[in-house]
């Protein structure tokens, strides 16, 4: 019974971490497409190192001046 509970907790934690690493949908108007790809890749990589509450990639992209159309949580 303990193993099932532990497995369930680990599975749910993994799902939460993966969903927090999804990039948001952003308005790319006025931004260079290559710079956007670089910024997004850097924000995803930066978000991998931490288990956070919220959306680290959305916050990172917002910090870089992108307008967030559909945030990921």
N, C-alpha and C. Protein backbone atom coordinates (compact mmCIF):
# COMPACT_ATOMS: atom_id res chain seq x y z
N UNK A 1 0.82 -1.19 0.00
CA UNK A 1 0.00 0.00 0.00
C UNK A 1 0.87 1.26 0.00
N UNK A 2 1.94 1.26 0.75
CA UNK A 2 2.83 2.42 0.79
C UNK A 2 3.48 2.65 -0.57
N UNK A 3 3.81 1.56 -1.25
CA UNK A 3 4.44 1.70 -2.56
C UNK A 3 3.49 2.34 -3.57
N UNK A 4 2.24 1.96 -3.50
CA UNK A 4 1.25 2.54 -4.41
C UNK A 4 1.11 4.04 -4.13
N UNK A 5 1.04 4.41 -2.88
CA UNK A 5 0.92 5.82 -2.51
C UNK A 5 2.15 6.60 -2.95
N UNK A 6 3.33 6.05 -2.73
CA UNK A 6 4.57 6.71 -3.12
C UNK A 6 4.64 6.86 -4.64
N UNK A 7 4.29 5.80 -5.35
CA UNK A 7 4.28 5.86 -6.81
C UNK A 7 3.32 6.93 -7.30
N UNK A 8 2.15 7.01 -6.71
CA UNK A 8 1.15 8.01 -7.10
C UNK A 8 1.67 9.42 -6.89
N UNK A 9 2.30 9.64 -5.77
CA UNK A 9 2.86 10.97 -5.46
C UNK A 9 3.94 11.33 -6.47
N UNK A 10 4.83 10.39 -6.78
CA UNK A 10 5.90 10.66 -7.75
C UNK A 10 5.34 10.93 -9.14
N UNK A 11 4.33 10.19 -9.52
CA UNK A 11 3.72 10.38 -10.83
C UNK A 11 3.06 11.75 -10.93
N UNK A 12 2.32 12.14 -9.91
CA UNK A 12 1.66 13.45 -9.93
C UNK A 12 2.67 14.59 -9.90
N UNK A 13 3.74 14.42 -9.16
CA UNK A 13 4.79 15.44 -9.10
C UNK A 13 5.43 15.61 -10.47
N UNK A 14 5.71 14.49 -11.13
CA UNK A 14 6.31 14.56 -12.46
C UNK A 14 5.39 15.27 -13.44
N UNK A 15 4.11 14.97 -13.39
CA UNK A 15 3.15 15.64 -14.27
C UNK A 15 3.12 17.14 -14.02
N UNK A 16 3.16 17.52 -12.76
CA UNK A 16 3.13 18.95 -12.42
C UNK A 16 4.39 19.65 -12.91
N UNK A 17 5.52 19.00 -12.79
CA UNK A 17 6.78 19.60 -13.25
C UNK A 17 6.76 19.75 -14.75
N UNK A 18 6.33 18.71 -15.47
CA UNK A 18 6.30 18.77 -16.92
C UNK A 18 5.36 19.87 -17.42
N UNK A 19 4.19 19.99 -16.81
CA UNK A 19 3.25 21.01 -17.27
C UNK A 19 3.76 22.42 -16.99
N UNK A 20 4.57 22.60 -15.95
CA UNK A 20 5.09 23.92 -15.66
C UNK A 20 6.22 24.30 -16.61
N UNK A 21 6.73 23.34 -17.39
CA UNK A 21 7.80 23.62 -18.34
C UNK A 21 7.28 23.83 -19.77
N UNK A 22 5.97 23.87 -19.94
CA UNK A 22 5.41 24.17 -21.25
C UNK A 22 5.52 25.66 -21.50
N UNK A 23 6.01 26.03 -22.69
CA UNK A 23 6.11 27.46 -22.98
C UNK A 23 4.74 28.08 -23.21
N UNK A 24 4.58 29.33 -22.85
CA UNK A 24 3.31 30.03 -23.08
C UNK A 24 3.18 30.41 -24.55
N UNK A 25 1.98 30.76 -24.95
CA UNK A 25 1.76 31.32 -26.28
C UNK A 25 1.98 32.83 -26.15
N UNK A 26 2.89 33.34 -26.96
CA UNK A 26 3.24 34.76 -26.86
C UNK A 26 3.01 35.47 -28.18
N UNK A 27 2.85 36.78 -28.09
CA UNK A 27 2.74 37.63 -29.28
C UNK A 27 4.17 37.91 -29.74
N UNK A 28 4.50 37.44 -30.93
CA UNK A 28 5.86 37.58 -31.44
C UNK A 28 6.04 38.81 -32.32
N UNK A 29 4.98 39.58 -32.51
CA UNK A 29 5.09 40.76 -33.37
C UNK A 29 6.17 41.70 -32.83
N UNK A 30 7.02 42.15 -33.75
CA UNK A 30 8.07 43.08 -33.39
C UNK A 30 9.31 42.40 -32.82
N UNK A 31 9.32 41.08 -32.76
CA UNK A 31 10.47 40.34 -32.24
C UNK A 31 11.08 39.49 -33.35
N UNK A 32 12.38 39.42 -33.37
CA UNK A 32 13.09 38.58 -34.33
C UNK A 32 12.79 37.11 -34.02
N UNK A 33 12.38 36.31 -35.03
CA UNK A 33 12.04 34.91 -34.78
C UNK A 33 13.19 34.09 -34.20
N UNK A 34 14.39 34.36 -34.63
CA UNK A 34 15.53 33.61 -34.09
C UNK A 34 15.79 33.99 -32.64
N UNK A 35 15.67 35.29 -32.34
CA UNK A 35 15.84 35.73 -30.95
C UNK A 35 14.75 35.13 -30.07
N UNK A 36 13.51 35.06 -30.60
CA UNK A 36 12.42 34.45 -29.85
C UNK A 36 12.74 33.00 -29.52
N UNK A 37 13.20 32.24 -30.50
CA UNK A 37 13.55 30.84 -30.26
C UNK A 37 14.65 30.71 -29.21
N UNK A 38 15.65 31.58 -29.30
CA UNK A 38 16.74 31.56 -28.32
C UNK A 38 16.22 31.90 -26.92
N UNK A 39 15.40 32.94 -26.83
CA UNK A 39 14.84 33.33 -25.53
C UNK A 39 14.00 32.21 -24.94
N UNK A 40 13.15 31.61 -25.76
CA UNK A 40 12.28 30.54 -25.28
C UNK A 40 13.12 29.34 -24.80
N UNK A 41 14.14 28.97 -25.57
CA UNK A 41 15.00 27.85 -25.19
C UNK A 41 15.71 28.13 -23.86
N UNK A 42 16.20 29.37 -23.70
CA UNK A 42 16.87 29.74 -22.46
C UNK A 42 15.90 29.72 -21.27
N UNK A 43 14.67 30.18 -21.50
CA UNK A 43 13.68 30.19 -20.42
C UNK A 43 13.29 28.77 -20.02
N UNK A 44 13.16 27.89 -21.00
CA UNK A 44 12.84 26.49 -20.70
C UNK A 44 13.98 25.86 -19.92
N UNK A 45 15.20 26.10 -20.34
CA UNK A 45 16.36 25.53 -19.65
C UNK A 45 16.46 26.08 -18.23
N UNK A 46 16.21 27.36 -18.08
CA UNK A 46 16.25 27.99 -16.76
C UNK A 46 15.18 27.41 -15.84
N UNK A 47 14.01 27.10 -16.39
CA UNK A 47 12.93 26.54 -15.60
C UNK A 47 13.14 25.11 -15.18
N UNK A 48 14.01 24.38 -15.87
CA UNK A 48 14.25 22.97 -15.55
C UNK A 48 14.95 22.78 -14.22
N UNK A 49 15.73 23.73 -13.80
CA UNK A 49 16.54 23.57 -12.61
C UNK A 49 15.78 23.72 -11.30
N UNK A 50 14.53 24.11 -11.36
CA UNK A 50 13.80 24.42 -10.14
C UNK A 50 12.44 23.77 -10.13
N UNK A 51 12.02 23.34 -8.97
CA UNK A 51 10.63 22.93 -8.78
C UNK A 51 9.95 24.14 -8.18
N UNK A 52 9.07 24.74 -8.95
CA UNK A 52 8.47 25.99 -8.53
C UNK A 52 6.96 25.90 -8.53
N UNK A 53 6.37 26.81 -7.84
CA UNK A 53 4.92 26.99 -7.91
C UNK A 53 4.70 28.11 -8.90
N UNK A 54 3.84 27.89 -9.85
CA UNK A 54 3.59 28.90 -10.86
C UNK A 54 4.17 28.47 -12.19
N UNK A 55 4.42 29.42 -13.03
CA UNK A 55 4.89 29.15 -14.39
C UNK A 55 6.22 29.87 -14.63
N UNK A 56 7.33 29.18 -14.41
CA UNK A 56 8.63 29.85 -14.54
C UNK A 56 8.93 30.31 -15.96
N UNK A 57 8.47 29.57 -16.97
CA UNK A 57 8.76 29.97 -18.35
C UNK A 57 7.95 31.19 -18.73
N UNK A 58 6.69 31.23 -18.31
CA UNK A 58 5.85 32.40 -18.58
C UNK A 58 6.48 33.65 -17.96
N UNK A 59 6.92 33.55 -16.72
CA UNK A 59 7.54 34.69 -16.05
C UNK A 59 8.82 35.12 -16.76
N UNK A 60 9.62 34.16 -17.19
CA UNK A 60 10.88 34.46 -17.88
C UNK A 60 10.61 35.17 -19.20
N UNK A 61 9.64 34.68 -19.96
CA UNK A 61 9.32 35.30 -21.25
C UNK A 61 8.76 36.71 -21.05
N UNK A 62 7.97 36.89 -20.01
CA UNK A 62 7.43 38.22 -19.70
C UNK A 62 8.58 39.17 -19.34
N UNK A 63 9.56 38.68 -18.57
CA UNK A 63 10.72 39.50 -18.20
C UNK A 63 11.50 39.96 -19.42
N UNK A 64 11.48 39.15 -20.47
CA UNK A 64 12.22 39.48 -21.70
C UNK A 64 11.42 40.36 -22.65
N UNK A 65 10.24 40.80 -22.22
CA UNK A 65 9.48 41.77 -22.98
C UNK A 65 8.42 41.21 -23.91
N UNK A 66 8.11 39.93 -23.79
CA UNK A 66 7.08 39.34 -24.64
C UNK A 66 5.70 39.50 -24.01
N UNK A 67 4.71 39.77 -24.84
CA UNK A 67 3.32 39.83 -24.38
C UNK A 67 2.78 38.41 -24.36
N UNK A 68 2.33 37.96 -23.21
CA UNK A 68 1.83 36.61 -23.04
C UNK A 68 0.36 36.57 -23.44
N UNK A 69 0.04 35.72 -24.43
CA UNK A 69 -1.34 35.59 -24.88
C UNK A 69 -2.07 34.47 -24.11
N UNK A 70 -1.39 33.33 -23.94
CA UNK A 70 -1.97 32.20 -23.22
C UNK A 70 -0.91 31.69 -22.24
N UNK A 71 -1.00 32.08 -20.98
CA UNK A 71 0.00 31.62 -20.02
C UNK A 71 -0.18 30.13 -19.72
N UNK A 72 0.90 29.47 -19.38
CA UNK A 72 0.86 28.07 -18.96
C UNK A 72 1.12 28.08 -17.46
N UNK A 73 0.36 27.27 -16.76
CA UNK A 73 0.53 27.24 -15.30
C UNK A 73 1.04 25.91 -14.84
